[in-house]
Amino acid sequence: MNDECALPRDDVSTPVPPEPSGRGCLFALSQPPLMLFLAVIGLLLLLGATHDLLLL
């Protein structure tokens, strides 16, 4: 008989499920590389918009 299918023994401790971390989706926005990337993209969009508005 397969031992994995047998009933659990008392001397074997059951694994404790990991606690859920308190970090949500906003944790990713606090990372400097992502903020730099978003700042560059925002700057390019701003430059493109001002170029279209002022130099049309």
PDB file of N, CA and C in Angstrom:
ATOM      1  N   MET A   1       0.844  -1.180   0.000  1.00  0.00           N
ATOM      2  CA  MET A   1       0.000   0.000   0.000  1.00  0.00           C
ATOM      3  C   MET A   1       0.889   1.243   0.000  1.00  0.00           C
ATOM      4  N   ASN A   2       0.448   2.278  -0.636  1.00  0.00           N
ATOM      5  CA  ASN A   2       1.215   3.517  -0.723  1.00  0.00           C
ATOM      6  C   ASN A   2       1.138   4.273   0.602  1.00  0.00           C
ATOM      7  N   ASP A   3       2.292   4.686   1.137  1.00  0.00           N
ATOM      8  CA  ASP A   3       2.303   5.384   2.418  1.00  0.00           C
ATOM      9  C   ASP A   3       1.717   6.788   2.327  1.00  0.00           C
ATOM     10  N   GLU A   4       1.707   7.396   1.136  1.00  0.00           N
ATOM     11  CA  GLU A   4       1.169   8.746   0.999  1.00  0.00           C
ATOM     12  C   GLU A   4      -0.336   8.768   1.182  1.00  0.00           C
ATOM     13  N   CYS A   5      -0.996   7.637   0.922  1.00  0.00           N
ATOM     14  CA  CYS A   5      -2.444   7.574   1.054  1.00  0.00           C
ATOM     15  C   CYS A   5      -2.880   7.162   2.457  1.00  0.00           C
ATOM     16  N   ALA A   6      -1.931   6.797   3.300  1.00  0.00           N
ATOM     17  CA  ALA A   6      -2.267   6.343   4.635  1.00  0.00           C
ATOM     18  C   ALA A   6      -2.690   7.531   5.498  1.00  0.00           C
ATOM     19  N   LEU A   7      -3.312   7.224   6.610  1.00  0.00           N
ATOM     20  CA  LEU A   7      -3.729   8.268   7.544  1.00  0.00           C
ATOM     21  C   LEU A   7      -2.509   8.960   8.140  1.00  0.00           C
ATOM     22  N   PRO A   8      -2.613  10.258   8.448  1.00  0.00           N
ATOM     23  CA  PRO A   8      -1.442  10.961   9.000  1.00  0.00           C
ATOM     24  C   PRO A   8      -1.082  10.436  10.383  1.00  0.00           C
ATOM     25  N   ARG A   9       0.204  10.386  10.653  1.00  0.00           N
ATOM     26  CA  ARG A   9       0.691   9.929  11.952  1.00  0.00           C
ATOM     27  C   ARG A   9       0.785  11.112  12.899  1.00  0.00           C
ATOM     28  N   ASP A  10       0.813  10.814  14.188  1.00  0.00           N
ATOM     29  CA  ASP A  10       0.872  11.868  15.194  1.00  0.00           C
ATOM     30  C   ASP A  10       2.244  12.527  15.270  1.00  0.00           C
ATOM     31  N   ASP A  11       3.313  11.798  14.907  1.00  0.00           N
ATOM     32  CA  ASP A  11       4.657  12.354  15.049  1.00  0.00           C
ATOM     33  C   ASP A  11       5.054  13.255  13.882  1.00  0.00           C
ATOM     34  N   VAL A  12       4.235  13.308  12.847  1.00  0.00           N
ATOM     35  CA  VAL A  12       4.533  14.153  11.699  1.00  0.00           C
ATOM     36  C   VAL A  12       3.733  15.444  11.843  1.00  0.00           C
ATOM     37  N   SER A  13       4.444  16.554  11.856  1.00  0.00           N
ATOM     38  CA  SER A  13       3.746  17.836  12.002  1.00  0.00           C
ATOM     39  C   SER A  13       3.150  18.255  10.662  1.00  0.00           C
ATOM     40  N   THR A  14       1.977  18.826  10.723  1.00  0.00           N
ATOM     41  CA  THR A  14       1.336  19.303   9.504  1.00  0.00           C
ATOM     42  C   THR A  14       1.905  20.662   9.150  1.00  0.00           C
ATOM     43  N   PRO A  15       2.102  20.932   7.866  1.00  0.00           N
ATOM     44  CA  PRO A  15       2.661  22.225   7.475  1.00  0.00           C
ATOM     45  C   PRO A  15       1.680  23.364   7.764  1.00  0.00           C
ATOM     46  N   VAL A  16       2.231  24.456   8.223  1.00  0.00           N
ATOM     47  CA  VAL A  16       1.418  25.623   8.534  1.00  0.00           C
ATOM     48  C   VAL A  16       1.294  26.458   7.271  1.00  0.00           C
ATOM     49  N   PRO A  17       0.078  26.848   6.892  1.00  0.00           N
ATOM     50  CA  PRO A  17      -0.051  27.667   5.675  1.00  0.00           C
ATOM     51  C   PRO A  17       0.597  29.036   5.886  1.00  0.00           C
ATOM     52  N   PRO A  18       1.214  29.573   4.852  1.00  0.00           N
ATOM     53  CA  PRO A  18       1.885  30.870   5.003  1.00  0.00           C
ATOM     54  C   PRO A  18       0.866  31.982   5.240  1.00  0.00           C
ATOM     55  N   GLU A  19       1.287  32.958   6.025  1.00  0.00           N
ATOM     56  CA  GLU A  19       0.414  34.089   6.298  1.00  0.00           C
ATOM     57  C   GLU A  19       0.341  34.979   5.060  1.00  0.00           C
ATOM     58  N   PRO A  20      -0.832  35.499   4.760  1.00  0.00           N
ATOM     59  CA  PRO A  20      -0.919  36.395   3.600  1.00  0.00           C
ATOM     60  C   PRO A  20      -0.153  37.683   3.868  1.00  0.00           C
ATOM     61  N   SER A  21       0.599  38.101   2.870  1.00  0.00           N
ATOM     62  CA  SER A  21       1.380  39.320   3.053  1.00  0.00           C
ATOM     63  C   SER A  21       0.468  40.527   2.925  1.00  0.00           C
ATOM     64  N   GLY A  22       0.842  41.617   3.564  1.00  0.00           N
ATOM     65  CA  GLY A  22       0.044  42.817   3.544  1.00  0.00           C
ATOM     66  C   GLY A  22       0.276  43.674   2.320  1.00  0.00           C
ATOM     67  N   ARG A  23       1.148  43.252   1.443  1.00  0.00           N
ATOM     68  CA  ARG A  23       1.444  44.041   0.250  1.00  0.00           C
ATOM     69  C   ARG A  23       0.375  43.814  -0.797  1.00  0.00           C
ATOM     70  N   GLY A  24      -0.127  44.903  -1.337  1.00  0.00           N
ATOM     71  CA  GLY A  24      -1.119  44.805  -2.385  1.00  0.00           C
ATOM     72  C   GLY A  24      -0.541  45.226  -3.711  1.00  0.00           C
ATOM     73  N   CYS A  25      -1.403  45.613  -4.606  1.00  0.00           N
ATOM     74  CA  CYS A  25      -0.970  46.016  -5.934  1.00  0.00           C
ATOM     75  C   CYS A  25      -0.212  47.337  -5.901  1.00  0.00           C
ATOM     76  N   LEU A  26      -0.507  48.176  -4.921  1.00  0.00           N
ATOM     77  CA  LEU A  26       0.163  49.469  -4.863  1.00  0.00           C
ATOM     78  C   LEU A  26       1.616  49.346  -4.432  1.00  0.00           C
ATOM     79  N   PHE A  27       2.020  48.192  -3.919  1.00  0.00           N
ATOM     80  CA  PHE A  27       3.420  48.009  -3.546  1.00  0.00           C
ATOM     81  C   PHE A  27       4.323  48.122  -4.767  1.00  0.00           C
ATOM     82  N   ALA A  28       3.842  47.669  -5.930  1.00  0.00           N
ATOM     83  CA  ALA A  28       4.652  47.728  -7.151  1.00  0.00           C
ATOM     84  C   ALA A  28       4.906  49.169  -7.578  1.00  0.00           C
ATOM     85  N   LEU A  29       3.972  50.078  -7.261  1.00  0.00           N
ATOM     86  CA  LEU A  29       4.152  51.467  -7.665  1.00  0.00           C
ATOM     87  C   LEU A  29       5.218  52.182  -6.842  1.00  0.00           C
ATOM     88  N   SER A  30       5.621  51.598  -5.725  1.00  0.00           N
ATOM     89  CA  SER A  30       6.643  52.244  -4.904  1.00  0.00           C
ATOM     90  C   SER A  30       8.056  51.867  -5.341  1.00  0.00           C
ATOM     91  N   GLN A  31       8.177  51.048  -6.359  1.00  0.00           N
ATOM     92  CA  GLN A  31       9.485  50.617  -6.821  1.00  0.00           C
ATOM     93  C   GLN A  31      10.104  51.692  -7.716  1.00  0.00           C
ATOM     94  N   PRO A  32      11.349  52.102  -7.457  1.00  0.00           N
ATOM     95  CA  PRO A  32      11.979  53.170  -8.238  1.00  0.00           C
ATOM     96  C   PRO A  32      12.082  52.898  -9.734  1.00  0.00           C
ATOM     97  N   PRO A  33      12.439  51.699 -10.206  1.00  0.00           N
ATOM     98  CA  PRO A  33      12.518  51.518 -11.664  1.00  0.00           C
ATOM     99  C   PRO A  33      11.180  51.736 -12.360  1.00  0.00           C
ATOM    100  N   LEU A  34      10.105  51.275 -11.746  1.00  0.00           N
ATOM    101  CA  LEU A  34       8.796  51.467 -12.349  1.00  0.00           C
ATOM    102  C   LEU A  34       8.423  52.943 -12.362  1.00  0.00           C
ATOM    103  N   MET A  35       8.727  53.659 -11.287  1.00  0.00           N
ATOM    104  CA  MET A  35       8.393  55.077 -11.230  1.00  0.00           C
ATOM    105  C   MET A  35       9.208  55.859 -12.252  1.00  0.00           C
ATOM    106  N   LEU A  36      10.465  55.493 -12.441  1.00  0.00           N
ATOM    107  CA  LEU A  36      11.275  56.167 -13.458  1.00  0.00           C
ATOM    108  C   LEU A  36      10.726  55.893 -14.858  1.00  0.00           C
ATOM    109  N   PHE A  37      10.340  54.664 -15.111  1.00  0.00           N
ATOM    110  CA  PHE A  37       9.771  54.319 -16.410  1.00  0.00           C
ATOM    111  C   PHE A  37       8.486  55.102 -16.665  1.00  0.00           C
ATOM    112  N   LEU A  38       7.607  55.144 -15.666  1.00  0.00           N
ATOM    113  CA  LEU A  38       6.360  55.882 -15.828  1.00  0.00           C
ATOM    114  C   LEU A  38       6.602  57.375 -15.982  1.00  0.00           C
ATOM    115  N   ALA A  39       7.621  57.908 -15.307  1.00  0.00           N
ATOM    116  CA  ALA A  39       7.942  59.332 -15.445  1.00  0.00           C
ATOM    117  C   ALA A  39       8.443  59.641 -16.853  1.00  0.00           C
ATOM    118  N   VAL A  40       9.262  58.760 -17.418  1.00  0.00           N
ATOM    119  CA  VAL A  40       9.763  58.970 -18.783  1.00  0.00           C
ATOM    120  C   VAL A  40       8.618  58.897 -19.784  1.00  0.00           C
ATOM    121  N   ILE A  41       7.737  57.931 -19.626  1.00  0.00           N
ATOM    122  CA  ILE A  41       6.592  57.808 -20.527  1.00  0.00           C
ATOM    123  C   ILE A  41       5.693  59.034 -20.404  1.00  0.00           C
ATOM    124  N   GLY A  42       5.446  59.487 -19.182  1.00  0.00           N
ATOM    125  CA  GLY A  42       4.632  60.677 -18.975  1.00  0.00           C
ATOM    126  C   GLY A  42       5.274  61.915 -19.580  1.00  0.00           C
ATOM    127  N   LEU A  43       6.594  62.035 -19.456  1.00  0.00           N
ATOM    128  CA  LEU A  43       7.300  63.175 -20.042  1.00  0.00           C
ATOM    129  C   LEU A  43       7.204  63.151 -21.566  1.00  0.00           C
ATOM    130  N   LEU A  44       7.348  61.979 -22.161  1.00  0.00           N
ATOM    131  CA  LEU A  44       7.218  61.877 -23.611  1.00  0.00           C
ATOM    132  C   LEU A  44       5.806  62.231 -24.081  1.00  0.00           C
ATOM    133  N   LEU A  45       4.806  61.792 -23.344  1.00  0.00           N
ATOM    134  CA  LEU A  45       3.433  62.154 -23.695  1.00  0.00           C
ATOM    135  C   LEU A  45       3.198  63.653 -23.555  1.00  0.00           C
ATOM    136  N   LEU A  46       3.751  64.241 -22.507  1.00  0.00           N
ATOM    137  CA  LEU A  46       3.609  65.681 -22.298  1.00  0.00           C
ATOM    138  C   LEU A  46       4.307  66.471 -23.396  1.00  0.00           C
ATOM    139  N   LEU A  47       5.501  66.056 -23.762  1.00  0.00           N
ATOM    140  CA  LEU A  47       6.218  66.740 -24.840  1.00  0.00           C
ATOM    141  C   LEU A  47       5.479  66.608 -26.168  1.00  0.00           C
ATOM    142  N   GLY A  48       4.937  65.437 -26.440  1.00  0.00           N
ATOM    143  CA  GLY A  48       4.178  65.250 -27.669  1.00  0.00           C
ATOM    144  C   GLY A  48       2.919  66.098 -27.695  1.00  0.00           C
ATOM    145  N   ALA A  49       2.237  66.190 -26.562  1.00  0.00           N
ATOM    146  CA  ALA A  49       1.015  66.981 -26.506  1.00  0.00           C
ATOM    147  C   ALA A  49       1.313  68.478 -26.667  1.00  0.00           C
ATOM    148  N   THR A  50       2.349  68.964 -25.999  1.00  0.00           N
ATOM    149  CA  THR A  50       2.675  70.390 -26.119  1.00  0.00           C
ATOM    150  C   THR A  50       3.174  70.703 -27.530  1.00  0.00           C
ATOM    151  N   HIS A  51       3.880  69.772 -28.142  1.00  0.00           N
ATOM    152  CA  HIS A  51       4.342  69.995 -29.516  1.00  0.00           C
ATOM    153  C   HIS A  51       3.152  70.103 -30.455  1.00  0.00           C
ATOM    154  N   ASP A  52       2.156  69.262 -30.269  1.00  0.00           N
ATOM    155  CA  ASP A  52       0.971  69.309 -31.117  1.00  0.00           C
ATOM    156  C   ASP A  52       0.163  70.594 -30.883  1.00  0.00           C
ATOM    157  N   LEU A  53       0.101  71.047 -29.647  1.00  0.00           N
ATOM    158  CA  LEU A  53      -0.693  72.216 -29.325  1.00  0.00           C
ATOM    159  C   LEU A  53      -0.026  73.509 -29.752  1.00  0.00           C
ATOM    160  N   LEU A  54       1.279  73.610 -29.554  1.00  0.00           N
ATOM    161  CA  LEU A  54       1.961  74.892 -29.764  1.00  0.00           C
ATOM    162  C   LEU A  54       2.571  75.036 -31.139  1.00  0.00           C
ATOM    163  N   LEU A  55       3.004  73.933 -31.744  1.00  0.00           N
ATOM    164  CA  LEU A  55       3.730  74.032 -33.011  1.00  0.00           C
ATOM    165  C   LEU A  55       2.938  73.442 -34.163  1.00  0.00           C
ATOM    166  N   LEU A  56       1.648  73.470 -34.078  1.00  0.00           N
ATOM    167  CA  LEU A  56       0.828  72.897 -35.129  1.00  0.00           C
ATOM    168  C   LEU A  56       0.742  73.789 -36.328  1.00  0.00           C
TER     169      LEU A  56
END
